[in-house]
Amino acid sequence: MTNKSHLIRLAALAGMIAPIVFAVVVTGLTIAEADFMRSIGWDPVSPVLDWPSGLAMGPHGWLMTVTFFLCGGMMAFFAWGLKLALQDKLATTLLMVAGFAMLGLVFTTDPTIRSYPKTWHGFLHDGFFAILGLTLMPGMLLLGRVFQQNAQWRNLSIYTWGTLALVIPTFWLKGAAFYVFLLAILVWSEVVAFRLRSTR
């Protein structure tokens, strides 16, 4: 196996692990910190406030912070593996920036309902969250085109654009729709990572 192939397979592994780790940690912390989250205004069936970022403010919040850091790094590495495999620069660079933006979510958010001004780390968190959305979605749009031009990836093109059509509105909504965004992105990442692993 060449060095490039080895790196691609490692990047694919990172892309497969990151969504699972993120899903497990967010689910576990949501259960463990349910009382805390309700105390800051979160309700699982009402307009969703401060989730999942608010989990980092809870009694076990360090786990969420570490997860943002690890999964953001793995996402950036995964995007780099896609860049090597697909010989693409723009789409995969946007996904890489999205991964680095996820790293920036380690700056703890502020609760939406609060009696004090927004903190510097709350501003940074919100800024990185916006960068995540503004790079992830254009990256997926362009990546769908890259997939379309590659026979080994072509059948993921429509799937990528379909996922994008689902996540664009749900990303910006502070409601239960955000659950849909998160699930769609995690599944899409897993599917693409498995395809990357199968490339030669």
N, C-alpha and C. Protein backbone atom coordinates (compact mmCIF):
# COMPACT_ATOMS: atom_id res chain seq x y z
N MET A 1 0.85 -1.20 0.00
CA MET A 1 0.00 0.00 0.00
C MET A 1 0.89 1.25 0.00
N THR A 2 0.61 2.18 -0.90
CA THR A 2 1.40 3.41 -0.96
C THR A 2 1.07 4.30 0.22
N ASN A 3 1.96 5.27 0.45
CA ASN A 3 1.75 6.21 1.55
C ASN A 3 0.44 6.97 1.37
N LYS A 4 0.14 7.37 0.10
CA LYS A 4 -1.09 8.10 -0.17
C LYS A 4 -2.31 7.24 0.14
N SER A 5 -2.29 5.98 -0.27
CA SER A 5 -3.41 5.08 0.00
C SER A 5 -3.60 4.88 1.50
N HIS A 6 -2.48 4.77 2.22
CA HIS A 6 -2.55 4.60 3.67
C HIS A 6 -3.20 5.81 4.33
N LEU A 7 -2.81 7.00 3.90
CA LEU A 7 -3.38 8.23 4.45
C LEU A 7 -4.88 8.33 4.16
N ILE A 8 -5.25 7.94 2.93
CA ILE A 8 -6.67 7.98 2.56
C ILE A 8 -7.48 7.03 3.44
N ARG A 9 -6.96 5.85 3.68
CA ARG A 9 -7.68 4.88 4.52
C ARG A 9 -7.77 5.37 5.97
N LEU A 10 -6.71 6.01 6.47
CA LEU A 10 -6.76 6.58 7.82
C LEU A 10 -7.79 7.70 7.90
N ALA A 11 -7.83 8.53 6.84
CA ALA A 11 -8.81 9.62 6.80
C ALA A 11 -10.23 9.07 6.74
N ALA A 12 -10.42 7.99 5.98
CA ALA A 12 -11.74 7.36 5.91
C ALA A 12 -12.14 6.81 7.28
N LEU A 13 -11.18 6.23 7.99
CA LEU A 13 -11.45 5.71 9.34
C LEU A 13 -11.88 6.85 10.27
N ALA A 14 -11.18 7.99 10.17
CA ALA A 14 -11.56 9.15 10.97
C ALA A 14 -12.98 9.60 10.63
N GLY A 15 -13.31 9.57 9.32
CA GLY A 15 -14.65 9.95 8.88
C GLY A 15 -15.73 9.00 9.36
N MET A 16 -15.38 7.74 9.58
CA MET A 16 -16.35 6.77 10.08
C MET A 16 -16.50 6.86 11.60
N ILE A 17 -15.40 7.16 12.29
CA ILE A 17 -15.43 7.20 13.75
C ILE A 17 -16.12 8.47 14.27
N ALA A 18 -15.81 9.61 13.65
CA ALA A 18 -16.28 10.90 14.17
C ALA A 18 -17.80 10.98 14.34
N PRO A 19 -18.61 10.58 13.33
CA PRO A 19 -20.06 10.69 13.51
C PRO A 19 -20.59 9.80 14.65
N ILE A 20 -19.98 8.62 14.80
CA ILE A 20 -20.42 7.70 15.85
C ILE A 20 -20.09 8.28 17.23
N VAL A 21 -18.86 8.78 17.38
CA VAL A 21 -18.45 9.39 18.65
C VAL A 21 -19.36 10.57 18.99
N PHE A 22 -19.59 11.42 17.99
CA PHE A 22 -20.42 12.60 18.23
C PHE A 22 -21.83 12.20 18.65
N ALA A 23 -22.41 11.25 17.93
CA ALA A 23 -23.78 10.81 18.24
C ALA A 23 -23.87 10.20 19.63
N VAL A 24 -22.90 9.36 19.99
CA VAL A 24 -22.92 8.69 21.29
C VAL A 24 -22.77 9.71 22.43
N VAL A 25 -21.81 10.63 22.28
CA VAL A 25 -21.58 11.62 23.34
C VAL A 25 -22.78 12.55 23.50
N VAL A 26 -23.30 13.05 22.38
CA VAL A 26 -24.44 13.98 22.46
C VAL A 26 -25.66 13.28 23.07
N THR A 27 -25.92 12.06 22.65
CA THR A 27 -27.06 11.32 23.20
C THR A 27 -26.87 11.06 24.69
N GLY A 28 -25.68 10.58 25.06
CA GLY A 28 -25.40 10.29 26.47
C GLY A 28 -25.48 11.53 27.35
N LEU A 29 -24.90 12.63 26.87
CA LEU A 29 -24.93 13.86 27.67
C LEU A 29 -26.33 14.46 27.75
N THR A 30 -27.09 14.32 26.67
CA THR A 30 -28.46 14.83 26.70
C THR A 30 -29.28 14.13 27.78
N ILE A 31 -29.06 12.83 27.92
CA ILE A 31 -29.75 12.07 28.96
C ILE A 31 -29.21 12.44 30.34
N ALA A 32 -27.88 12.49 30.46
CA ALA A 32 -27.25 12.75 31.77
C ALA A 32 -27.50 14.17 32.27
N GLU A 33 -27.59 15.11 31.33
CA GLU A 33 -27.73 16.52 31.71
C GLU A 33 -29.13 17.07 31.42
N ALA A 34 -30.11 16.20 31.30
CA ALA A 34 -31.47 16.63 30.94
C ALA A 34 -32.01 17.68 31.90
N ASP A 35 -31.81 17.49 33.20
CA ASP A 35 -32.31 18.46 34.18
C ASP A 35 -31.62 19.80 34.00
N PHE A 36 -30.30 19.77 33.82
CA PHE A 36 -29.57 21.03 33.61
C PHE A 36 -30.05 21.73 32.35
N MET A 37 -30.19 20.97 31.26
CA MET A 37 -30.61 21.57 29.99
C MET A 37 -32.00 22.20 30.12
N ARG A 38 -32.89 21.55 30.84
CA ARG A 38 -34.23 22.13 31.05
C ARG A 38 -34.14 23.41 31.86
N SER A 39 -33.16 23.48 32.77
CA SER A 39 -33.01 24.67 33.61
C SER A 39 -32.57 25.89 32.81
N ILE A 40 -31.97 25.69 31.63
CA ILE A 40 -31.57 26.83 30.80
C ILE A 40 -32.51 27.04 29.62
N GLY A 41 -33.65 26.33 29.65
CA GLY A 41 -34.68 26.60 28.65
C GLY A 41 -34.87 25.57 27.56
N TRP A 42 -34.09 24.48 27.60
CA TRP A 42 -34.21 23.45 26.57
C TRP A 42 -35.43 22.58 26.82
N ASP A 43 -36.12 22.26 25.74
CA ASP A 43 -37.24 21.32 25.80
C ASP A 43 -37.15 20.49 24.53
N PRO A 44 -37.11 19.16 24.66
CA PRO A 44 -36.88 18.33 23.47
C PRO A 44 -37.96 18.43 22.40
N VAL A 45 -39.15 18.88 22.73
CA VAL A 45 -40.22 18.93 21.73
C VAL A 45 -40.68 20.35 21.40
N SER A 46 -40.09 21.34 22.06
CA SER A 46 -40.40 22.74 21.76
C SER A 46 -39.25 23.31 20.94
N PRO A 47 -39.34 24.58 20.54
CA PRO A 47 -38.19 25.20 19.86
C PRO A 47 -36.91 24.93 20.66
N VAL A 48 -35.96 24.29 20.00
CA VAL A 48 -34.78 23.77 20.71
C VAL A 48 -33.78 24.90 20.95
N LEU A 49 -33.54 25.22 22.23
CA LEU A 49 -32.57 26.24 22.61
C LEU A 49 -31.31 25.58 23.13
N ASP A 50 -30.17 26.10 22.67
CA ASP A 50 -28.87 25.75 23.28
C ASP A 50 -28.53 24.26 23.24
N TRP A 51 -28.97 23.57 22.20
CA TRP A 51 -28.64 22.15 22.06
C TRP A 51 -28.05 21.92 20.68
N PRO A 52 -26.96 21.19 20.55
CA PRO A 52 -26.23 20.48 21.61
C PRO A 52 -25.15 21.31 22.31
N SER A 53 -24.89 22.53 21.80
CA SER A 53 -23.79 23.31 22.36
C SER A 53 -23.92 23.55 23.86
N GLY A 54 -25.16 23.71 24.33
CA GLY A 54 -25.38 23.96 25.75
C GLY A 54 -24.93 22.83 26.65
N LEU A 55 -24.77 21.64 26.07
CA LEU A 55 -24.30 20.51 26.87
C LEU A 55 -22.93 20.77 27.46
N ALA A 56 -22.15 21.63 26.78
CA ALA A 56 -20.80 21.96 27.28
C ALA A 56 -20.85 22.83 28.54
N MET A 57 -22.01 23.41 28.85
CA MET A 57 -22.14 24.23 30.06
C MET A 57 -22.54 23.40 31.27
N GLY A 58 -22.92 22.16 31.05
CA GLY A 58 -23.44 21.32 32.12
C GLY A 58 -22.38 20.72 33.00
N PRO A 59 -22.78 19.90 33.96
CA PRO A 59 -21.84 19.31 34.92
C PRO A 59 -20.80 18.39 34.30
N HIS A 60 -21.11 17.83 33.14
CA HIS A 60 -20.14 16.98 32.45
C HIS A 60 -19.73 17.61 31.11
N GLY A 61 -19.79 18.95 31.10
CA GLY A 61 -19.59 19.68 29.85
C GLY A 61 -18.24 19.48 29.18
N TRP A 62 -17.22 19.14 29.97
CA TRP A 62 -15.89 18.93 29.38
C TRP A 62 -15.93 17.84 28.31
N LEU A 63 -16.84 16.87 28.46
CA LEU A 63 -16.96 15.81 27.45
C LEU A 63 -17.42 16.37 26.11
N MET A 64 -18.34 17.33 26.14
CA MET A 64 -18.81 17.94 24.91
C MET A 64 -17.72 18.78 24.28
N THR A 65 -16.98 19.50 25.10
CA THR A 65 -15.87 20.32 24.60
C THR A 65 -14.81 19.45 23.93
N VAL A 66 -14.43 18.36 24.58
CA VAL A 66 -13.44 17.44 24.00
C VAL A 66 -13.98 16.83 22.71
N THR A 67 -15.28 16.53 22.68
CA THR A 67 -15.88 15.94 21.48
C THR A 67 -15.87 16.92 20.31
N PHE A 68 -16.16 18.19 20.57
CA PHE A 68 -16.06 19.20 19.51
C PHE A 68 -14.64 19.22 18.94
N PHE A 69 -13.66 19.17 19.83
CA PHE A 69 -12.26 19.23 19.41
C PHE A 69 -11.87 18.00 18.59
N LEU A 70 -12.14 16.82 19.14
CA LEU A 70 -11.75 15.58 18.46
C LEU A 70 -12.49 15.40 17.14
N CYS A 71 -13.80 15.60 17.14
CA CYS A 71 -14.59 15.37 15.93
C CYS A 71 -14.31 16.43 14.87
N GLY A 72 -14.04 17.66 15.30
CA GLY A 72 -13.64 18.69 14.34
C GLY A 72 -12.33 18.34 13.66
N GLY A 73 -11.37 17.88 14.45
CA GLY A 73 -10.08 17.46 13.87
C GLY A 73 -10.23 16.28 12.94
N MET A 74 -11.04 15.30 13.32
CA MET A 74 -11.26 14.14 12.46
C MET A 74 -12.00 14.52 11.19
N MET A 75 -12.92 15.47 11.29
CA MET A 75 -13.64 15.93 10.10
C MET A 75 -12.69 16.61 9.12
N ALA A 76 -11.78 17.43 9.63
CA ALA A 76 -10.81 18.10 8.77
C ALA A 76 -9.88 17.08 8.10
N PHE A 77 -9.45 16.08 8.86
CA PHE A 77 -8.58 15.03 8.30
C PHE A 77 -9.33 14.21 7.25
N PHE A 78 -10.59 13.92 7.52
CA PHE A 78 -11.43 13.20 6.57
C PHE A 78 -11.55 13.98 5.26
N ALA A 79 -11.75 15.30 5.37
CA ALA A 79 -11.84 16.14 4.16
C ALA A 79 -10.53 16.13 3.39
N TRP A 80 -9.41 16.07 4.12
CA TRP A 80 -8.11 16.01 3.45
C TRP A 80 -7.96 14.69 2.69
N GLY A 81 -8.46 13.60 3.28
CA GLY A 81 -8.44 12.32 2.58
C GLY A 81 -9.28 12.35 1.31
N LEU A 82 -10.44 13.02 1.37
CA LEU A 82 -11.26 13.18 0.17
C LEU A 82 -10.51 13.98 -0.89
N LYS A 83 -9.78 14.98 -0.45
CA LYS A 83 -8.99 15.79 -1.37
C LYS A 83 -7.95 14.95 -2.10
N LEU A 84 -7.28 14.07 -1.37
CA LEU A 84 -6.28 13.18 -1.98
C LEU A 84 -6.92 12.19 -2.95
N ALA A 85 -8.06 11.65 -2.56
CA ALA A 85 -8.71 10.62 -3.38
C ALA A 85 -9.37 11.19 -4.62
N LEU A 86 -9.97 12.37 -4.49
CA LEU A 86 -10.76 12.93 -5.59
C LEU A 86 -10.00 13.96 -6.42
N GLN A 87 -8.80 14.31 -5.97
CA GLN A 87 -8.00 15.33 -6.67
C GLN A 87 -8.80 16.62 -6.85
N ASP A 88 -9.50 17.00 -5.80
CA ASP A 88 -10.30 18.22 -5.82
C ASP A 88 -9.75 19.17 -4.77
N LYS A 89 -9.84 20.46 -5.06
CA LYS A 89 -9.33 21.45 -4.12
C LYS A 89 -10.44 22.24 -3.43
N LEU A 90 -11.37 22.81 -4.20
CA LEU A 90 -12.32 23.75 -3.64
C LEU A 90 -13.30 23.11 -2.67
N ALA A 91 -14.03 22.08 -3.13
CA ALA A 91 -15.06 21.46 -2.30
C ALA A 91 -14.47 20.87 -1.03
N THR A 92 -13.37 20.15 -1.17
CA THR A 92 -12.78 19.50 0.00
C THR A 92 -12.13 20.51 0.94
N THR A 93 -11.61 21.62 0.41
CA THR A 93 -11.07 22.66 1.28
C THR A 93 -12.18 23.29 2.11
N LEU A 94 -13.34 23.51 1.51
CA LEU A 94 -14.48 24.04 2.26
C LEU A 94 -14.87 23.10 3.39
N LEU A 95 -14.86 21.79 3.10
CA LEU A 95 -15.18 20.82 4.16
C LEU A 95 -14.11 20.81 5.24
N MET A 96 -12.87 21.02 4.83
CA MET A 96 -11.78 21.07 5.81
C MET A 96 -11.95 22.28 6.73
N VAL A 97 -12.31 23.42 6.15
CA VAL A 97 -12.55 24.62 6.95
C VAL A 97 -13.72 24.39 7.91
N ALA A 98 -14.74 23.67 7.43
CA ALA A 98 -15.88 23.34 8.30
C ALA A 98 -15.41 22.50 9.50
N GLY A 99 -14.49 21.59 9.26
CA GLY A 99 -13.93 20.80 10.36
C GLY A 99 -13.18 21.67 11.36
N PHE A 100 -12.38 22.61 10.85
CA PHE A 100 -11.67 23.53 11.75
C PHE A 100 -12.65 24.43 12.50
N ALA A 101 -13.75 24.81 11.83
CA ALA A 101 -14.78 25.61 12.51
C ALA A 101 -15.41 24.82 13.65
N MET A 102 -15.59 23.53 13.45
CA MET A 102 -16.12 22.69 14.53
C MET A 102 -15.15 22.66 15.70
N LEU A 103 -13.85 22.66 15.40
CA LEU A 103 -12.86 22.77 16.47
C LEU A 103 -13.10 24.03 17.29
N GLY A 104 -13.49 25.12 16.61
CA GLY A 104 -13.71 26.39 17.29
C GLY A 104 -14.89 26.38 18.24
N LEU A 105 -15.74 25.37 18.13
CA LEU A 105 -16.89 25.28 19.04
C LEU A 105 -16.47 24.93 20.47
N VAL A 106 -15.17 24.69 20.67
CA VAL A 106 -14.67 24.45 22.04
C VAL A 106 -14.86 25.70 22.91
N PHE A 107 -15.00 26.88 22.29
CA PHE A 107 -15.32 28.07 23.06
C PHE A 107 -16.77 27.95 23.52
N THR A 108 -16.99 27.95 24.81
CA THR A 108 -18.31 27.66 25.36
C THR A 108 -19.34 28.70 24.97
N THR A 109 -20.51 28.23 24.57
CA THR A 109 -21.60 29.12 24.19
C THR A 109 -22.20 29.81 25.41
N ASP A 110 -23.05 30.79 25.16
CA ASP A 110 -23.85 31.41 26.22
C ASP A 110 -25.27 30.88 26.13
N PRO A 111 -25.96 30.73 27.25
CA PRO A 111 -27.37 30.34 27.17
C PRO A 111 -28.18 31.45 26.49
N THR A 112 -29.16 31.05 25.70
CA THR A 112 -30.00 32.03 25.02
C THR A 112 -30.77 32.88 26.03
N ILE A 113 -31.30 32.23 27.06
CA ILE A 113 -32.02 32.94 28.12
C ILE A 113 -31.02 33.22 29.25
N ARG A 114 -30.63 34.49 29.41
CA ARG A 114 -29.61 34.85 30.40
C ARG A 114 -29.86 36.28 30.87
N SER A 115 -29.23 36.62 31.99
CA SER A 115 -29.40 37.95 32.58
C SER A 115 -28.12 38.77 32.48
N TYR A 116 -27.19 38.35 31.63
CA TYR A 116 -25.91 39.05 31.49
C TYR A 116 -25.58 39.19 30.00
N PRO A 117 -24.69 40.12 29.66
CA PRO A 117 -24.34 40.31 28.24
C PRO A 117 -23.61 39.09 27.69
N LYS A 118 -23.63 38.98 26.37
CA LYS A 118 -22.92 37.88 25.71
C LYS A 118 -21.43 37.97 26.00
N THR A 119 -20.82 36.84 26.30
CA THR A 119 -19.40 36.80 26.63
C THR A 119 -18.55 36.70 25.36
N TRP A 120 -17.25 36.92 25.50
CA TRP A 120 -16.33 36.82 24.36
C TRP A 120 -16.32 35.41 23.80
N HIS A 121 -16.37 34.42 24.69
CA HIS A 121 -16.34 33.03 24.20
C HIS A 121 -17.67 32.66 23.56
N GLY A 122 -18.76 33.29 24.01
CA GLY A 122 -20.04 33.07 23.35
C GLY A 122 -20.05 33.63 21.95
N PHE A 123 -19.45 34.82 21.77
CA PHE A 123 -19.33 35.40 20.43
C PHE A 123 -18.51 34.49 19.52
N LEU A 124 -17.39 33.99 20.04
CA LEU A 124 -16.54 33.11 19.24
C LEU A 124 -17.28 31.83 18.86
N HIS A 125 -17.99 31.26 19.81
CA HIS A 125 -18.75 30.03 19.53
C HIS A 125 -19.75 30.27 18.40
N ASP A 126 -20.52 31.35 18.51
CA ASP A 126 -21.52 31.66 17.49
C ASP A 126 -20.87 31.93 16.14
N GLY A 127 -19.72 32.61 16.15
CA GLY A 127 -19.02 32.89 14.91
C GLY A 127 -18.53 31.63 14.23
N PHE A 128 -17.95 30.72 15.00
CA PHE A 128 -17.48 29.45 14.42
C PHE A 128 -18.65 28.59 13.94
N PHE A 129 -19.77 28.67 14.66
CA PHE A 129 -20.96 27.92 14.23
C PHE A 129 -21.45 28.43 12.87
N ALA A 130 -21.44 29.75 12.68
CA ALA A 130 -21.84 30.32 11.40
C ALA A 130 -20.87 29.92 10.29
N ILE A 131 -19.56 29.94 10.59
CA ILE A 131 -18.56 29.53 9.60
C ILE A 131 -18.76 28.07 9.22
N LEU A 132 -19.09 27.25 10.21
CA LEU A 132 -19.35 25.83 9.94
C LEU A 132 -20.46 25.68 8.89
N GLY A 133 -21.55 26.38 9.09
CA GLY A 133 -22.66 26.28 8.14
C GLY A 133 -22.32 26.86 6.78
N LEU A 134 -21.59 27.98 6.77
CA LEU A 134 -21.29 28.69 5.53
C LEU A 134 -20.20 28.02 4.70
N THR A 135 -19.52 27.03 5.28
CA THR A 135 -18.52 26.27 4.51
C THR A 135 -18.98 24.84 4.23
N LEU A 136 -19.67 24.24 5.20
CA LEU A 136 -20.13 22.86 5.03
C LEU A 136 -21.11 22.74 3.86
N MET A 137 -22.08 23.63 3.80
CA MET A 137 -23.13 23.48 2.78
C MET A 137 -22.64 23.78 1.37
N PRO A 138 -21.89 24.87 1.13
CA PRO A 138 -21.31 25.04 -0.20
C PRO A 138 -20.35 23.91 -0.56
N GLY A 139 -19.63 23.40 0.45
CA GLY A 139 -18.72 22.28 0.20
C GLY A 139 -19.47 21.05 -0.27
N MET A 140 -20.60 20.76 0.34
CA MET A 140 -21.42 19.62 -0.08
C MET A 140 -21.99 19.83 -1.48
N LEU A 141 -22.42 21.06 -1.76
CA LEU A 141 -22.96 21.37 -3.08
C LEU A 141 -21.92 21.10 -4.16
N LEU A 142 -20.71 21.59 -3.95
CA LEU A 142 -19.64 21.40 -4.93
C LEU A 142 -19.17 19.95 -4.97
N LEU A 143 -19.18 19.31 -3.82
CA LEU A 143 -18.74 17.91 -3.77
C LEU A 143 -19.69 17.02 -4.57
N GLY A 144 -20.98 17.35 -4.55
CA GLY A 144 -21.93 16.60 -5.36
C GLY A 144 -21.55 16.64 -6.83
N ARG A 145 -21.08 17.79 -7.29
CA ARG A 145 -20.63 17.93 -8.68
C ARG A 145 -19.36 17.10 -8.94
N VAL A 146 -18.45 17.11 -7.97
CA VAL A 146 -17.23 16.31 -8.09
C VAL A 146 -17.59 14.82 -8.16
N PHE A 147 -18.50 14.38 -7.32
CA PHE A 147 -18.96 12.99 -7.35
C PHE A 147 -19.54 12.64 -8.72
N GLN A 148 -20.31 13.55 -9.28
CA GLN A 148 -20.98 13.31 -10.56
C GLN A 148 -19.98 13.05 -11.68
N GLN A 149 -18.80 13.62 -11.58
CA GLN A 149 -17.78 13.50 -12.62
C GLN A 149 -16.85 12.32 -12.41
N ASN A 150 -17.10 11.52 -11.37
CA ASN A 150 -16.23 10.39 -11.05
C ASN A 150 -17.08 9.13 -11.01
N ALA A 151 -16.76 8.17 -11.87
CA ALA A 151 -17.59 6.97 -12.00
C ALA A 151 -17.72 6.20 -10.68
N GLN A 152 -16.67 6.18 -9.88
CA GLN A 152 -16.69 5.42 -8.63
C GLN A 152 -17.56 6.09 -7.56
N TRP A 153 -17.81 7.38 -7.74
CA TRP A 153 -18.55 8.15 -6.74
C TRP A 153 -19.90 8.65 -7.24
N ARG A 154 -20.20 8.45 -8.53
CA ARG A 154 -21.33 9.12 -9.17
C ARG A 154 -22.66 8.89 -8.45
N ASN A 155 -22.87 7.68 -7.93
CA ASN A 155 -24.18 7.40 -7.31
C ASN A 155 -24.36 8.11 -5.97
N LEU A 156 -23.32 8.78 -5.47
CA LEU A 156 -23.47 9.57 -4.24
C LEU A 156 -23.80 11.03 -4.53
N SER A 157 -23.82 11.39 -5.81
CA SER A 157 -24.07 12.79 -6.17
C SER A 157 -25.47 13.23 -5.80
N ILE A 158 -26.49 12.51 -6.27
CA ILE A 158 -27.87 12.87 -5.98
C ILE A 158 -28.15 12.76 -4.48
N TYR A 159 -27.57 11.75 -3.84
CA TYR A 159 -27.74 11.58 -2.40
C TYR A 159 -27.18 12.79 -1.65
N THR A 160 -26.02 13.27 -2.08
CA THR A 160 -25.40 14.44 -1.44
C THR A 160 -26.27 15.67 -1.61
N TRP A 161 -26.77 15.89 -2.81
CA TRP A 161 -27.62 17.07 -3.04
C TRP A 161 -28.96 16.94 -2.31
N GLY A 162 -29.49 15.72 -2.23
CA GLY A 162 -30.72 15.51 -1.49
C GLY A 162 -30.54 15.80 -0.01
N THR A 163 -29.41 15.34 0.53
CA THR A 163 -29.09 15.62 1.93
C THR A 163 -28.95 17.12 2.15
N LEU A 164 -28.29 17.79 1.20
CA LEU A 164 -28.11 19.23 1.30
C LEU A 164 -29.45 19.97 1.31
N ALA A 165 -30.36 19.53 0.45
CA ALA A 165 -31.70 20.16 0.40
C ALA A 165 -32.42 20.02 1.74
N LEU A 166 -32.11 18.96 2.46
CA LEU A 166 -32.72 18.73 3.77
C LEU A 166 -32.05 19.56 4.86
N VAL A 167 -30.72 19.70 4.77
CA VAL A 167 -30.01 20.33 5.88
C VAL A 167 -29.97 21.86 5.79
N ILE A 168 -30.12 22.43 4.60
CA ILE A 168 -30.05 23.90 4.49
C ILE A 168 -31.09 24.58 5.38
N PRO A 169 -32.37 24.21 5.28
CA PRO A 169 -33.34 24.89 6.16
C PRO A 169 -33.22 24.47 7.63
N THR A 170 -32.89 23.22 7.88
CA THR A 170 -32.89 22.74 9.26
C THR A 170 -31.70 23.25 10.06
N PHE A 171 -30.60 23.62 9.40
CA PHE A 171 -29.42 24.12 10.10
C PHE A 171 -29.72 25.43 10.83
N TRP A 172 -30.50 26.30 10.18
CA TRP A 172 -30.70 27.65 10.71
C TRP A 172 -31.91 27.75 11.64
N LEU A 173 -32.67 26.68 11.79
CA LEU A 173 -33.88 26.74 12.61
C LEU A 173 -33.57 26.34 14.05
N LYS A 174 -34.01 27.17 15.00
CA LYS A 174 -33.88 26.81 16.41
C LYS A 174 -35.12 26.02 16.82
N GLY A 175 -35.19 24.83 16.34
CA GLY A 175 -36.36 24.01 16.63
C GLY A 175 -36.01 22.56 16.49
N ALA A 176 -37.03 21.72 16.59
CA ALA A 176 -36.81 20.28 16.50
C ALA A 176 -36.21 19.89 15.16
N ALA A 177 -36.36 20.76 14.14
CA ALA A 177 -35.78 20.48 12.83
C ALA A 177 -34.26 20.32 12.90
N PHE A 178 -33.63 20.93 13.93
CA PHE A 178 -32.17 20.81 14.04
C PHE A 178 -31.76 19.37 14.29
N TYR A 179 -32.62 18.58 14.92
CA TYR A 179 -32.33 17.16 15.09
C TYR A 179 -32.19 16.50 13.72
N VAL A 180 -33.05 16.91 12.78
CA VAL A 180 -33.02 16.36 11.42
C VAL A 180 -31.70 16.72 10.75
N PHE A 181 -31.27 17.99 10.90
CA PHE A 181 -29.99 18.42 10.34
C PHE A 181 -28.85 17.53 10.84
N LEU A 182 -28.79 17.38 12.15
CA LEU A 182 -27.68 16.64 12.74
C LEU A 182 -27.67 15.19 12.28
N LEU A 183 -28.83 14.54 12.29
CA LEU A 183 -28.90 13.15 11.87
C LEU A 183 -28.52 12.99 10.40
N ALA A 184 -29.03 13.89 9.54
CA ALA A 184 -28.74 13.80 8.10
C ALA A 184 -27.26 13.95 7.83
N ILE A 185 -26.61 14.90 8.52
CA ILE A 185 -25.18 15.14 8.31
C ILE A 185 -24.35 13.97 8.81
N LEU A 186 -24.70 13.42 9.96
CA LEU A 186 -23.94 12.30 10.51
C LEU A 186 -24.04 11.07 9.61
N VAL A 187 -25.23 10.80 9.10
CA VAL A 187 -25.41 9.65 8.20
C VAL A 187 -24.68 9.87 6.89
N TRP A 188 -24.78 11.08 6.33
CA TRP A 188 -24.09 11.39 5.07
C TRP A 188 -22.59 11.23 5.24
N SER A 189 -22.04 11.74 6.33
CA SER A 189 -20.60 11.62 6.58
C SER A 189 -20.17 10.16 6.66
N GLU A 190 -20.99 9.35 7.31
CA GLU A 190 -20.68 7.93 7.45
C GLU A 190 -20.69 7.24 6.09
N VAL A 191 -21.68 7.54 5.27
CA VAL A 191 -21.78 6.93 3.93
C VAL A 191 -20.58 7.31 3.06
N VAL A 192 -20.23 8.59 3.07
CA VAL A 192 -19.10 9.06 2.25
C VAL A 192 -17.79 8.46 2.76
N ALA A 193 -17.65 8.36 4.08
CA ALA A 193 -16.43 7.79 4.65
C ALA A 193 -16.28 6.32 4.26
N PHE A 194 -17.37 5.56 4.26
CA PHE A 194 -17.31 4.16 3.85
C PHE A 194 -16.91 4.06 2.37
N ARG A 195 -17.42 4.97 1.54
CA ARG A 195 -17.02 4.96 0.13
C ARG A 195 -15.53 5.30 -0.03
N LEU A 196 -15.07 6.27 0.75
CA LEU A 196 -13.66 6.63 0.68
C LEU A 196 -12.79 5.45 1.07
N ARG A 197 -13.21 4.69 2.05
CA ARG A 197 -12.44 3.53 2.50
C ARG A 197 -12.30 2.48 1.41
N SER A 198 -13.28 2.42 0.52
CA SER A 198 -13.26 1.40 -0.53
C SER A 198 -12.46 1.84 -1.75
N THR A 199 -11.99 3.09 -1.79
CA THR A 199 -11.25 3.55 -2.95
C THR A 199 -9.85 2.97 -2.95
N ARG A 200 -9.29 2.87 -4.12
CA ARG A 200 -7.92 2.35 -4.27
C ARG A 200 -7.04 3.41 -4.90
